[in-house]
Amino acid sequence: MRRMLVSLAIALAAVVVPALPLEAQAGPTIAVSRTTGLNDGDTVNVMGADWSSRLRLVGIFVCDTAVYNAAPAAGGNGDARFDYIFGRCGDFNVYSVPTSGQFAVQYLVRRGTANCGNRPGDCVIYAMAERGSNVFSTNAVPISFATPPPPTCLPMSRGASGIAVDVQAKSGLRAIDVTTATNANVVVPSFTNGTTDPVHVTATKIDPTRGSQVALRVTDLKSAVSECDPVIATLSPRKVEVFSEVPAADHFLTVVNTDPGLRRIVVKVARHTEVIKLRPAETKLVDLARLVPATDHAYAIRLRGVGRGPAQITISDGGAAMTAAHPPKAAMFTHP
């Protein structure tokens, strides 16, 4: 396969590619089974028609429409057009073309660059095939990506001394800003701009006897912003914790009990009180929406633990990935 790639990349004496519009051109053409609502990692069928028996290899690209349009014109130096597109577009995969000249291959779709996938039709799939010492390009097919989800923050571990959170952006991570850091050392590791891999952020108490608060603002390459600001705390027996300015969207209480842990938690919101019963080592999710006034943008909550040992609590919008769009009024974690 490596030899195929090298052969196709260097055998480029002439390229015959009309500029867009993107309708099918004379000669070998391609079609794509699904062209809208695509996500990175989706598989589509790319089908070729009227490819001569001499076109034995085909290379398939995802490319920005703007890059494809800006490429040097075909003519005396086909290598310049190919090199321009090849150096600026997405994954380049090589497939064999049967002697019939018709093919259907499964192609893994990914955005070509950060500028590909922002608007409908701003990406294309196109193919290029080797014919003798020349290279022949087919028509390009416009494709549209689905809007990627906003960045997410997923707590991976928590304890009396701090918390670890995985931050991730499906459309590529641009920035992680610490908006609140009270009595905490926050470590945001270096990361490659545009990475889609999780970034492991840690926060550790400076003074273990005092409470701590941390919140993050995460921005992706498409300027989508998520405020990672659930309340995370350790609730001890006979201890009362009060959290104010909790966004109304954050009304899911998750309790991870220890063994023997707490027997119950008394929850009070405004004039409403609820008692949550717990078993040792139990994890429980409770929706507090019925206690939170629907018209409130933020609310205060009072928690009192009863039992023999501590429990870890989280107040968030309920998803495993926390993506609230409101300002970070509550803390990412608050320890007693």
Protein backbone atom coordinates (compact mmCIF):
# COMPACT_ATOMS: atom_id res chain seq x y z
CA MET A 1 0.00 0.00 0.00
CA ARG A 2 2.87 2.37 0.73
CA ARG A 3 4.26 1.74 -2.75
CA MET A 4 0.82 2.47 -4.17
CA LEU A 5 0.73 5.80 -2.34
CA VAL A 6 4.21 6.75 -3.50
CA SER A 7 3.47 5.69 -7.06
CA LEU A 8 0.28 7.68 -7.17
CA ALA A 9 1.83 10.76 -5.56
CA ILE A 10 4.84 10.98 -7.87
CA ALA A 11 3.26 9.97 -11.19
CA LEU A 12 1.65 13.37 -11.71
CA ALA A 13 2.58 14.84 -15.05
CA ALA A 14 -0.88 16.27 -15.84
CA VAL A 15 -4.17 16.75 -14.01
CA VAL A 16 -7.42 17.30 -15.83
CA VAL A 17 -9.79 18.76 -13.24
CA PRO A 18 -12.39 21.33 -14.13
CA ALA A 19 -13.04 23.87 -11.41
CA LEU A 20 -16.35 23.77 -9.55
CA PRO A 21 -19.39 23.83 -10.03
CA LEU A 22 -19.48 20.37 -8.60
CA GLU A 23 -21.75 18.60 -11.07
CA ALA A 24 -20.41 15.42 -12.67
CA GLN A 25 -17.92 15.99 -15.46
CA ALA A 26 -17.27 13.88 -18.55
CA GLY A 27 -15.22 10.77 -17.97
CA PRO A 28 -14.84 8.78 -14.75
CA THR A 29 -17.22 9.95 -12.02
CA ILE A 30 -17.96 9.19 -8.39
CA ALA A 31 -21.10 9.25 -6.29
CA VAL A 32 -21.45 9.13 -2.50
CA SER A 33 -24.18 7.14 -0.72
CA ARG A 34 -24.81 9.77 2.00
CA THR A 35 -23.81 13.41 1.74
CA THR A 36 -25.56 15.21 4.64
CA GLY A 37 -25.62 14.95 8.43
CA LEU A 38 -22.20 13.30 8.52
CA ASN A 39 -20.07 12.92 11.63
CA ASP A 40 -16.36 12.24 11.95
CA GLY A 41 -15.89 8.49 11.80
CA ASP A 42 -18.99 7.78 9.71
CA THR A 43 -18.61 5.33 6.82
CA VAL A 44 -20.06 6.10 3.39
CA ASN A 45 -19.99 4.21 0.12
CA VAL A 46 -18.04 5.91 -2.67
CA MET A 47 -19.05 4.50 -6.04
CA GLY A 48 -17.10 4.96 -9.24
CA ALA A 49 -18.47 4.70 -12.78
CA ASP A 50 -16.88 4.67 -16.25
CA TRP A 51 -13.34 4.16 -15.01
CA SER A 52 -11.26 2.57 -17.76
CA SER A 53 -9.24 -0.57 -17.14
CA ARG A 54 -6.10 1.57 -17.22
CA LEU A 55 -7.20 3.47 -14.10
CA ARG A 56 -6.04 0.74 -11.71
CA LEU A 57 -5.72 2.79 -8.50
CA VAL A 58 -7.99 5.47 -7.07
CA GLY A 59 -7.16 7.87 -4.24
CA ILE A 60 -10.12 9.34 -2.32
CA PHE A 61 -9.95 12.60 -0.33
CA VAL A 62 -12.06 14.78 1.90
CA CYS A 63 -11.21 18.39 1.12
CA ASP A 64 -12.40 21.90 1.93
CA THR A 65 -14.46 23.21 -0.97
CA ALA A 66 -12.54 26.48 -0.72
CA VAL A 67 -9.19 24.68 -0.96
CA TYR A 68 -10.41 22.63 -3.89
CA ASN A 69 -11.51 25.80 -5.70
CA ALA A 70 -8.24 27.62 -4.92
CA ALA A 71 -5.99 24.86 -6.24
CA PRO A 72 -3.84 25.73 -9.29
CA ALA A 73 -5.59 25.06 -12.57
CA ALA A 74 -4.94 21.84 -14.44
CA GLY A 75 -2.62 22.27 -17.37
CA GLY A 76 1.07 22.25 -17.91
CA ASN A 77 1.96 21.23 -14.37
CA GLY A 78 -0.53 18.78 -12.92
CA ASP A 79 1.77 18.12 -9.98
CA ALA A 80 1.18 21.65 -8.64
CA ARG A 81 -2.59 21.12 -8.43
CA PHE A 82 -2.25 17.70 -6.84
CA ASP A 83 0.38 18.86 -4.34
CA TYR A 84 -1.74 21.87 -3.36
CA ILE A 85 -4.80 19.73 -2.63
CA PHE A 86 -2.85 16.83 -1.12
CA GLY A 87 -1.08 19.12 1.37
CA ARG A 88 -4.24 20.84 2.59
CA CYS A 89 -6.93 18.17 2.65
CA GLY A 90 -7.88 15.24 4.81
CA ASP A 91 -7.02 11.56 4.78
CA PHE A 92 -5.92 10.16 1.43
CA ASN A 93 -6.87 6.51 0.93
CA VAL A 94 -5.94 4.34 -2.06
CA TYR A 95 -8.16 1.59 -3.46
CA SER A 96 -7.90 -0.83 -6.38
CA VAL A 97 -10.15 -0.34 -9.41
CA PRO A 98 -11.42 -3.58 -11.02
CA THR A 99 -11.07 -4.11 -14.75
CA SER A 100 -14.80 -3.38 -15.15
CA GLY A 101 -14.13 0.25 -14.29
CA GLN A 102 -16.93 0.23 -11.70
CA PHE A 103 -16.20 0.19 -7.99
CA ALA A 104 -17.86 0.71 -4.61
CA VAL A 105 -15.64 1.19 -1.57
CA GLN A 106 -16.37 2.00 2.05
CA TYR A 107 -14.74 5.26 3.05
CA LEU A 108 -14.24 6.59 6.60
CA VAL A 109 -15.21 10.27 6.56
CA ARG A 110 -13.37 12.90 8.60
CA ARG A 111 -13.31 16.65 8.30
CA GLY A 112 -10.51 17.82 6.07
CA THR A 113 -9.46 20.74 8.32
CA ALA A 114 -10.93 23.02 10.98
CA ASN A 115 -12.60 25.02 8.18
CA CYS A 116 -14.33 21.99 6.73
CA GLY A 117 -17.70 21.10 8.23
CA ASN A 118 -18.89 24.53 9.42
CA ARG A 119 -21.54 25.02 6.72
CA PRO A 120 -23.48 22.78 4.33
CA GLY A 121 -21.45 21.85 1.28
CA ASP A 122 -18.17 23.38 2.47
CA CYS A 123 -16.44 19.99 2.09
CA VAL A 124 -16.10 17.74 -0.92
CA ILE A 125 -15.20 14.12 -1.54
CA TYR A 126 -13.25 13.65 -4.72
CA ALA A 127 -11.12 10.97 -6.33
CA MET A 128 -7.93 10.89 -8.36
CA ALA A 129 -6.63 7.98 -10.37
CA GLU A 130 -3.37 7.04 -12.02
CA ARG A 131 -3.42 6.42 -15.78
CA GLY A 132 0.00 5.58 -17.12
CA SER A 133 2.29 8.46 -16.23
CA ASN A 134 -0.60 10.88 -15.78
CA VAL A 135 -3.21 11.48 -13.10
CA PHE A 136 -6.91 11.91 -13.84
CA SER A 137 -9.32 13.61 -11.43
CA THR A 138 -13.07 12.98 -11.32
CA ASN A 139 -15.97 15.15 -10.31
CA ALA A 140 -16.14 16.31 -6.67
CA VAL A 141 -19.21 15.55 -4.52
CA PRO A 142 -20.21 18.19 -1.93
CA ILE A 143 -20.89 16.84 1.57
CA SER A 144 -22.22 18.39 4.77
CA PHE A 145 -21.31 17.52 8.35
CA ALA A 146 -23.67 17.52 11.31
CA THR A 147 -23.10 20.21 13.92
CA PRO A 148 -20.67 18.72 16.45
CA PRO A 149 -21.58 18.73 20.14
CA PRO A 150 -20.08 21.43 22.38
CA PRO A 151 -17.01 20.60 24.49
CA THR A 152 -17.54 18.31 27.45
CA CYS A 153 -16.06 17.86 30.92
CA LEU A 154 -16.25 14.44 32.52
CA PRO A 155 -15.11 13.94 36.15
CA MET A 156 -12.82 10.92 36.25
CA SER A 157 -11.95 10.88 39.95
CA ARG A 158 -12.67 12.94 43.03
CA GLY A 159 -11.61 12.92 46.63
CA ALA A 160 -10.98 15.03 49.70
CA SER A 161 -7.82 16.51 48.17
CA GLY A 162 -9.07 17.37 44.69
CA ILE A 163 -10.55 16.25 41.40
CA ALA A 164 -9.51 15.07 37.93
CA VAL A 165 -11.57 15.95 34.86
CA ASP A 166 -11.29 14.86 31.22
CA VAL A 167 -11.97 17.77 28.86
CA GLN A 168 -12.79 16.93 25.24
CA ALA A 169 -14.05 18.67 22.08
CA LYS A 170 -15.27 16.56 19.17
CA SER A 171 -14.68 19.40 16.73
CA GLY A 172 -11.18 20.10 18.06
CA LEU A 173 -10.06 21.75 21.28
CA ARG A 174 -8.85 25.35 21.19
CA ALA A 175 -8.61 26.53 24.81
CA ILE A 176 -9.13 25.54 28.44
CA ASP A 177 -9.41 28.58 30.70
CA VAL A 178 -9.54 28.40 34.50
CA THR A 179 -12.26 30.88 35.49
CA THR A 180 -12.31 30.06 39.21
CA ALA A 181 -9.52 28.65 41.37
CA THR A 182 -9.96 29.22 45.10
CA ASN A 183 -7.57 27.34 47.38
CA ALA A 184 -6.63 25.06 44.51
CA ASN A 185 -3.71 24.33 42.21
CA VAL A 186 -5.13 23.64 38.76
CA VAL A 187 -2.95 21.86 36.20
CA VAL A 188 -4.00 22.13 32.57
CA PRO A 189 -1.52 20.08 30.54
CA SER A 190 -0.27 21.26 27.16
CA PHE A 191 -2.22 19.89 24.21
CA THR A 192 -2.12 20.11 20.44
CA ASN A 193 -4.43 22.78 19.07
CA GLY A 194 -7.40 21.04 17.51
CA THR A 195 -6.95 17.74 19.33
CA THR A 196 -10.05 15.59 19.72
CA ASP A 197 -8.48 13.44 22.43
CA PRO A 198 -9.42 13.94 26.10
CA VAL A 199 -7.20 16.37 28.06
CA HIS A 200 -6.73 15.37 31.70
CA VAL A 201 -7.09 18.40 34.01
CA THR A 202 -6.37 18.08 37.72
CA ALA A 203 -7.08 20.38 40.68
CA THR A 204 -5.59 19.86 44.13
CA LYS A 205 -6.30 21.67 47.38
CA ILE A 206 -3.59 24.01 48.68
CA ASP A 207 -4.85 24.05 52.27
CA PRO A 208 -6.60 20.73 53.01
CA THR A 209 -8.49 22.28 55.94
CA ARG A 210 -10.26 24.86 53.78
CA GLY A 211 -12.87 24.63 51.06
CA SER A 212 -11.91 24.83 47.39
CA GLN A 213 -13.65 26.01 44.25
CA VAL A 214 -12.69 25.50 40.60
CA ALA A 215 -14.47 26.14 37.30
CA LEU A 216 -13.34 25.82 33.67
CA ARG A 217 -14.38 27.45 30.41
CA VAL A 218 -13.69 25.23 27.39
CA THR A 219 -13.64 26.49 23.78
CA ASP A 220 -13.45 24.43 20.61
CA LEU A 221 -12.24 25.33 17.11
CA LYS A 222 -15.74 26.39 16.09
CA SER A 223 -15.91 28.86 19.03
CA ALA A 224 -18.48 26.77 20.91
CA VAL A 225 -18.05 27.34 24.65
CA SER A 226 -18.94 25.10 27.58
CA GLU A 227 -18.79 26.18 31.20
CA CYS A 228 -17.81 23.18 33.31
CA ASP A 229 -19.32 24.17 36.60
CA PRO A 230 -21.15 21.44 38.49
CA VAL A 231 -20.90 21.36 42.26
CA ILE A 232 -18.80 18.46 43.54
CA ALA A 233 -18.34 17.98 47.26
CA THR A 234 -17.61 15.59 50.09
CA LEU A 235 -20.55 15.44 52.51
CA SER A 236 -19.60 14.16 55.96
CA PRO A 237 -21.88 12.99 58.83
CA ARG A 238 -23.32 15.82 60.93
CA LYS A 239 -21.91 18.25 58.36
CA VAL A 240 -24.06 20.89 56.65
CA GLU A 241 -23.09 22.16 53.18
CA VAL A 242 -24.77 25.16 51.56
CA PHE A 243 -24.28 26.01 47.88
CA SER A 244 -25.69 29.24 46.48
CA GLU A 245 -26.10 30.47 42.90
CA VAL A 246 -26.53 26.96 41.53
CA PRO A 247 -27.94 27.27 37.96
CA ALA A 248 -31.48 25.95 37.66
CA ALA A 249 -30.35 23.60 34.88
CA ASP A 250 -28.15 21.80 37.43
CA HIS A 251 -30.84 19.91 39.32
CA PHE A 252 -29.51 16.35 39.29
CA LEU A 253 -27.93 15.18 42.54
CA THR A 254 -25.58 12.20 42.28
CA VAL A 255 -24.49 10.53 45.51
CA VAL A 256 -21.62 8.03 45.66
CA ASN A 257 -21.76 6.59 49.17
CA THR A 258 -18.90 4.97 51.06
CA ASP A 259 -19.16 1.90 53.31
CA PRO A 260 -20.63 2.30 55.91
CA GLY A 261 -21.18 5.84 54.64
CA LEU A 262 -24.27 8.00 55.10
CA ARG A 263 -27.69 6.58 55.95
CA ARG A 264 -29.52 9.57 54.57
CA ILE A 265 -29.12 13.10 53.23
CA VAL A 266 -31.54 15.88 54.12
CA VAL A 267 -31.94 18.24 51.14
CA LYS A 268 -33.52 21.66 51.48
CA VAL A 269 -34.26 24.03 48.58
CA ALA A 270 -36.16 27.20 49.52
CA ARG A 271 -39.08 25.92 51.68
CA HIS A 272 -38.97 22.39 50.29
CA THR A 273 -37.26 19.51 52.11
CA GLU A 274 -36.55 16.00 50.89
CA VAL A 275 -34.85 13.06 52.63
CA ILE A 276 -32.73 10.72 50.50
CA LYS A 277 -32.16 7.29 52.03
CA LEU A 278 -28.91 5.50 51.22
CA ARG A 279 -27.32 2.07 51.53
CA PRO A 280 -23.59 1.48 52.11
CA ALA A 281 -21.55 1.82 48.89
CA GLU A 282 -24.66 2.83 46.94
CA THR A 283 -24.66 5.22 43.98
CA LYS A 284 -27.91 7.12 43.54
CA LEU A 285 -29.13 9.75 41.06
CA VAL A 286 -31.94 12.05 42.26
CA ASP A 287 -33.73 14.64 40.12
CA LEU A 288 -34.36 17.72 42.27
CA ALA A 289 -36.34 19.57 39.58
CA ARG A 290 -39.53 19.37 41.64
CA LEU A 291 -37.79 21.33 44.41
CA VAL A 292 -36.34 24.02 42.15
CA PRO A 293 -38.74 26.86 41.20
CA ALA A 294 -39.15 26.81 37.43
CA THR A 295 -38.75 30.58 37.10
CA ASP A 296 -35.45 30.74 38.99
CA HIS A 297 -32.23 31.20 37.05
CA ALA A 298 -30.26 30.04 40.08
CA TYR A 299 -31.07 28.57 43.46
CA ALA A 300 -29.52 27.75 46.83
CA ILE A 301 -29.37 24.24 48.22
CA ARG A 302 -28.63 22.99 51.75
CA LEU A 303 -27.40 19.42 52.37
CA ARG A 304 -27.01 17.64 55.71
CA GLY A 305 -25.50 14.18 56.05
CA VAL A 306 -26.61 11.60 58.64
CA GLY A 307 -24.62 8.41 59.16
CA ARG A 308 -21.17 7.04 59.95
CA GLY A 309 -19.04 7.94 56.93
CA PRO A 310 -18.76 10.45 54.08
CA ALA A 311 -20.31 10.42 50.61
CA GLN A 312 -19.26 12.15 47.39
CA ILE A 313 -21.95 14.33 45.83
CA THR A 314 -22.33 16.02 42.46
CA ILE A 315 -24.96 18.57 41.43
CA SER A 316 -25.04 18.94 37.65
CA ASP A 317 -27.28 19.06 34.59
CA GLY A 318 -27.49 15.29 34.72
CA GLY A 319 -25.35 14.25 31.76
CA ALA A 320 -22.16 12.29 32.18
CA ALA A 321 -20.61 15.00 30.02
CA MET A 322 -21.32 18.39 31.56
CA THR A 323 -21.95 21.03 28.93
CA ALA A 324 -23.99 23.79 30.57
CA ALA A 325 -23.88 27.04 28.60
CA HIS A 326 -24.46 29.38 31.53
CA PRO A 327 -21.68 31.37 33.30
CA PRO A 328 -19.75 29.49 36.00
CA LYS A 329 -21.71 30.64 39.02
CA ALA A 330 -21.35 27.34 40.86
CA ALA A 331 -18.04 25.65 41.52
CA MET A 332 -16.68 22.68 39.66
CA PHE A 333 -15.85 21.23 43.01
CA THR A 334 -16.32 22.50 46.53
CA HIS A 335 -14.78 20.51 49.37
CA PRO A 336 -15.45 21.14 53.05
